């Protein structure tokens, strides 16, 4: 449960940070948007260090599946673009991959 919450918070921080840059470069927002964007990206990086795994790459790989799901939800809830069946299928497959990476009995 704790890992899932950390991944969710990390995804929200990363998407928020990246969206701040998107807003500045693509939506004509003021460069002031970069300040909270950079803070969000720093928070994202910190949060991933809290994942209980022996190697960073495994945490990053498992996080990728969570990130994709949250990005699809962001697209829908923040940008108003409803996901289609392919968005949902892709996110579901990525979650399965994340679960396999995170929950498998890896040899040390």
C-alpha atoms as a PDB file:
ATOM      1  CA  UNK A   1       0.000   0.000   0.000  1.00  0.00           C
ATOM      2  CA  UNK A   2       2.792   2.407   0.938  1.00  0.00           C
ATOM      3  CA  UNK A   3       4.631   1.709  -2.315  1.00  0.00           C
ATOM      4  CA  UNK A   4       1.488   2.365  -4.347  1.00  0.00           C
ATOM      5  CA  UNK A   5       0.928   5.702  -2.617  1.00  0.00           C
ATOM      6  CA  UNK A   6       4.543   6.730  -3.188  1.00  0.00           C
ATOM      7  CA  UNK A   7       4.294   5.806  -6.861  1.00  0.00           C
ATOM      8  CA  UNK A   8       1.032   7.738  -7.177  1.00  0.00           C
ATOM      9  CA  UNK A   9       2.509  10.824  -5.499  1.00  0.00           C
ATOM     10  CA  UNK A  10       5.640  10.569  -7.659  1.00  0.00           C
ATOM     11  CA  UNK A  11       3.547  10.341 -10.820  1.00  0.00           C
ATOM     12  CA  UNK A  12       1.477  13.370  -9.866  1.00  0.00           C
ATOM     13  CA  UNK A  13       4.649  15.335  -9.080  1.00  0.00           C
ATOM     14  CA  UNK A  14       6.324  14.344 -12.350  1.00  0.00           C
ATOM     15  CA  UNK A  15       3.285  15.062 -14.488  1.00  0.00           C
ATOM     16  CA  UNK A  16       2.696  18.358 -12.704  1.00  0.00           C
ATOM     17  CA  UNK A  17       6.314  19.360 -13.243  1.00  0.00           C
ATOM     18  CA  UNK A  18       6.325  18.366 -16.880  1.00  0.00           C
ATOM     19  CA  UNK A  19       2.976  20.050 -17.473  1.00  0.00           C
ATOM     20  CA  UNK A  20       4.418  23.296 -16.118  1.00  0.00           C
ATOM     21  CA  UNK A  21       7.052  23.154 -18.867  1.00  0.00           C
ATOM     22  CA  UNK A  22       4.359  22.216 -21.404  1.00  0.00           C
ATOM     23  CA  UNK A  23       2.317  25.207 -20.289  1.00  0.00           C
ATOM     24  CA  UNK A  24       5.274  27.534 -20.676  1.00  0.00           C
ATOM     25  CA  UNK A  25       6.468  26.242 -24.056  1.00  0.00           C
ATOM     26  CA  UNK A  26       3.244  25.107 -25.712  1.00  0.00           C
ATOM     27  CA  UNK A  27       0.468  27.101 -24.071  1.00  0.00           C
ATOM     28  CA  UNK A  28       2.207  30.464 -23.815  1.00  0.00           C
ATOM     29  CA  UNK A  29       2.239  30.588 -20.005  1.00  0.00           C
ATOM     30  CA  UNK A  30       4.687  32.833 -18.198  1.00  0.00           C
ATOM     31  CA  UNK A  31       8.159  31.473 -17.300  1.00  0.00           C
ATOM     32  CA  UNK A  32       7.078  31.735 -13.656  1.00  0.00           C
ATOM     33  CA  UNK A  33       5.408  28.364 -14.265  1.00  0.00           C
ATOM     34  CA  UNK A  34       8.907  26.847 -14.291  1.00  0.00           C
ATOM     35  CA  UNK A  35       9.420  27.486 -10.568  1.00  0.00           C
ATOM     36  CA  UNK A  36       6.693  25.152  -9.291  1.00  0.00           C
ATOM     37  CA  UNK A  37       7.475  22.835 -12.208  1.00  0.00           C
ATOM     38  CA  UNK A  38      11.074  22.413 -11.053  1.00  0.00           C
ATOM     39  CA  UNK A  39       9.934  21.921  -7.456  1.00  0.00           C
ATOM     40  CA  UNK A  40       7.548  19.198  -8.573  1.00  0.00           C
ATOM     41  CA  UNK A  41      10.298  17.426 -10.497  1.00  0.00           C
ATOM     42  CA  UNK A  42      12.604  17.549  -7.464  1.00  0.00           C
ATOM     43  CA  UNK A  43       9.815  16.087  -5.325  1.00  0.00           C
ATOM     44  CA  UNK A  44       9.267  13.348  -7.917  1.00  0.00           C
ATOM     45  CA  UNK A  45      12.944  12.340  -7.815  1.00  0.00           C
ATOM     46  CA  UNK A  46      12.964  12.326  -4.007  1.00  0.00           C
ATOM     47  CA  UNK A  47       9.803  10.214  -3.776  1.00  0.00           C
ATOM     48  CA  UNK A  48      11.287   7.462  -5.925  1.00  0.00           C
ATOM     49  CA  UNK A  49      14.151   7.117  -3.419  1.00  0.00           C
ATOM     50  CA  UNK A  50      11.560   6.015  -0.846  1.00  0.00           C
ATOM     51  CA  UNK A  51      10.636   2.847  -2.769  1.00  0.00           C
ATOM     52  CA  UNK A  52      11.774  -0.272  -0.908  1.00  0.00           C
ATOM     53  CA  UNK A  53      13.886  -2.091  -3.475  1.00  0.00           C
ATOM     54  CA  UNK A  54      17.555  -2.975  -3.624  1.00  0.00           C
ATOM     55  CA  UNK A  55      18.171  -1.443  -7.061  1.00  0.00           C
ATOM     56  CA  UNK A  56      17.040   1.892  -8.440  1.00  0.00           C
ATOM     57  CA  UNK A  57      16.346   0.570 -11.935  1.00  0.00           C
ATOM     58  CA  UNK A  58      13.667  -1.796 -10.665  1.00  0.00           C
ATOM     59  CA  UNK A  59      11.887   1.046  -8.864  1.00  0.00           C
ATOM     60  CA  UNK A  60      12.055   3.188 -12.016  1.00  0.00           C
ATOM     61  CA  UNK A  61      10.821   0.363 -14.247  1.00  0.00           C
ATOM     62  CA  UNK A  62       7.856  -0.478 -12.011  1.00  0.00           C
ATOM     63  CA  UNK A  63       7.086   3.226 -11.635  1.00  0.00           C
ATOM     64  CA  UNK A  64       6.822   3.516 -15.424  1.00  0.00           C
ATOM     65  CA  UNK A  65       3.598   1.507 -15.475  1.00  0.00           C
ATOM     66  CA  UNK A  66       2.059   3.642 -12.743  1.00  0.00           C
ATOM     67  CA  UNK A  67       3.175   6.801 -14.540  1.00  0.00           C
ATOM     68  CA  UNK A  68       1.428   5.732 -17.746  1.00  0.00           C
ATOM     69  CA  UNK A  69      -1.854   5.084 -15.926  1.00  0.00           C
ATOM     70  CA  UNK A  70      -1.692   8.456 -14.135  1.00  0.00           C
ATOM     71  CA  UNK A  71      -0.790  10.219 -17.407  1.00  0.00           C
ATOM     72  CA  UNK A  72      -3.907   8.774 -19.061  1.00  0.00           C
ATOM     73  CA  UNK A  73      -5.984   9.887 -16.078  1.00  0.00           C
ATOM     74  CA  UNK A  74      -4.369  13.370 -16.294  1.00  0.00           C
ATOM     75  CA  UNK A  75      -5.268  13.548 -19.969  1.00  0.00           C
ATOM     76  CA  UNK A  76      -8.875  12.807 -19.057  1.00  0.00           C
ATOM     77  CA  UNK A  77      -9.356  14.754 -15.813  1.00  0.00           C
ATOM     78  CA  UNK A  78      -7.049  17.756 -16.306  1.00  0.00           C
ATOM     79  CA  UNK A  79      -7.141  18.168 -20.081  1.00  0.00           C
ATOM     80  CA  UNK A  80     -10.648  16.930 -20.821  1.00  0.00           C
ATOM     81  CA  UNK A  81      -9.631  14.352 -23.444  1.00  0.00           C
ATOM     82  CA  UNK A  82     -11.442  11.101 -22.704  1.00  0.00           C
ATOM     83  CA  UNK A  83      -9.227   8.017 -23.052  1.00  0.00           C
ATOM     84  CA  UNK A  84     -10.246   5.580 -25.761  1.00  0.00           C
ATOM     85  CA  UNK A  85     -10.094   1.809 -25.498  1.00  0.00           C
ATOM     86  CA  UNK A  86      -6.490   1.765 -26.738  1.00  0.00           C
ATOM     87  CA  UNK A  87      -5.404   4.212 -24.036  1.00  0.00           C
ATOM     88  CA  UNK A  88      -7.098   2.004 -21.438  1.00  0.00           C
ATOM     89  CA  UNK A  89      -5.695  -1.226 -22.872  1.00  0.00           C
ATOM     90  CA  UNK A  90      -2.185   0.202 -23.003  1.00  0.00           C
ATOM     91  CA  UNK A  91      -2.386   1.499 -19.434  1.00  0.00           C
ATOM     92  CA  UNK A  92      -3.686  -1.872 -18.251  1.00  0.00           C
ATOM     93  CA  UNK A  93      -0.847  -3.734 -19.936  1.00  0.00           C
ATOM     94  CA  UNK A  94       1.660  -1.369 -18.377  1.00  0.00           C
ATOM     95  CA  UNK A  95       0.168  -1.969 -14.936  1.00  0.00           C
ATOM     96  CA  UNK A  96       0.559  -5.704 -15.431  1.00  0.00           C
ATOM     97  CA  UNK A  97       4.194  -5.140 -16.360  1.00  0.00           C
ATOM     98  CA  UNK A  98       4.743  -2.929 -13.318  1.00  0.00           C
ATOM     99  CA  UNK A  99       3.199  -5.579 -11.059  1.00  0.00           C
ATOM    100  CA  UNK A 100       5.421  -8.299 -12.554  1.00  0.00           C
ATOM    101  CA  UNK A 101       8.536  -6.187 -12.017  1.00  0.00           C
ATOM    102  CA  UNK A 102       7.658  -5.095  -8.508  1.00  0.00           C
ATOM    103  CA  UNK A 103       6.093  -8.243  -7.071  1.00  0.00           C
ATOM    104  CA  UNK A 104       8.158 -11.041  -8.647  1.00  0.00           C
ATOM    105  CA  UNK A 105      10.575 -12.949  -6.396  1.00  0.00           C
ATOM    106  CA  UNK A 106      13.791 -11.524  -7.837  1.00  0.00           C
ATOM    107  CA  UNK A 107      17.111 -13.191  -7.070  1.00  0.00           C
ATOM    108  CA  UNK A 108      19.503 -10.914  -5.247  1.00  0.00           C
END
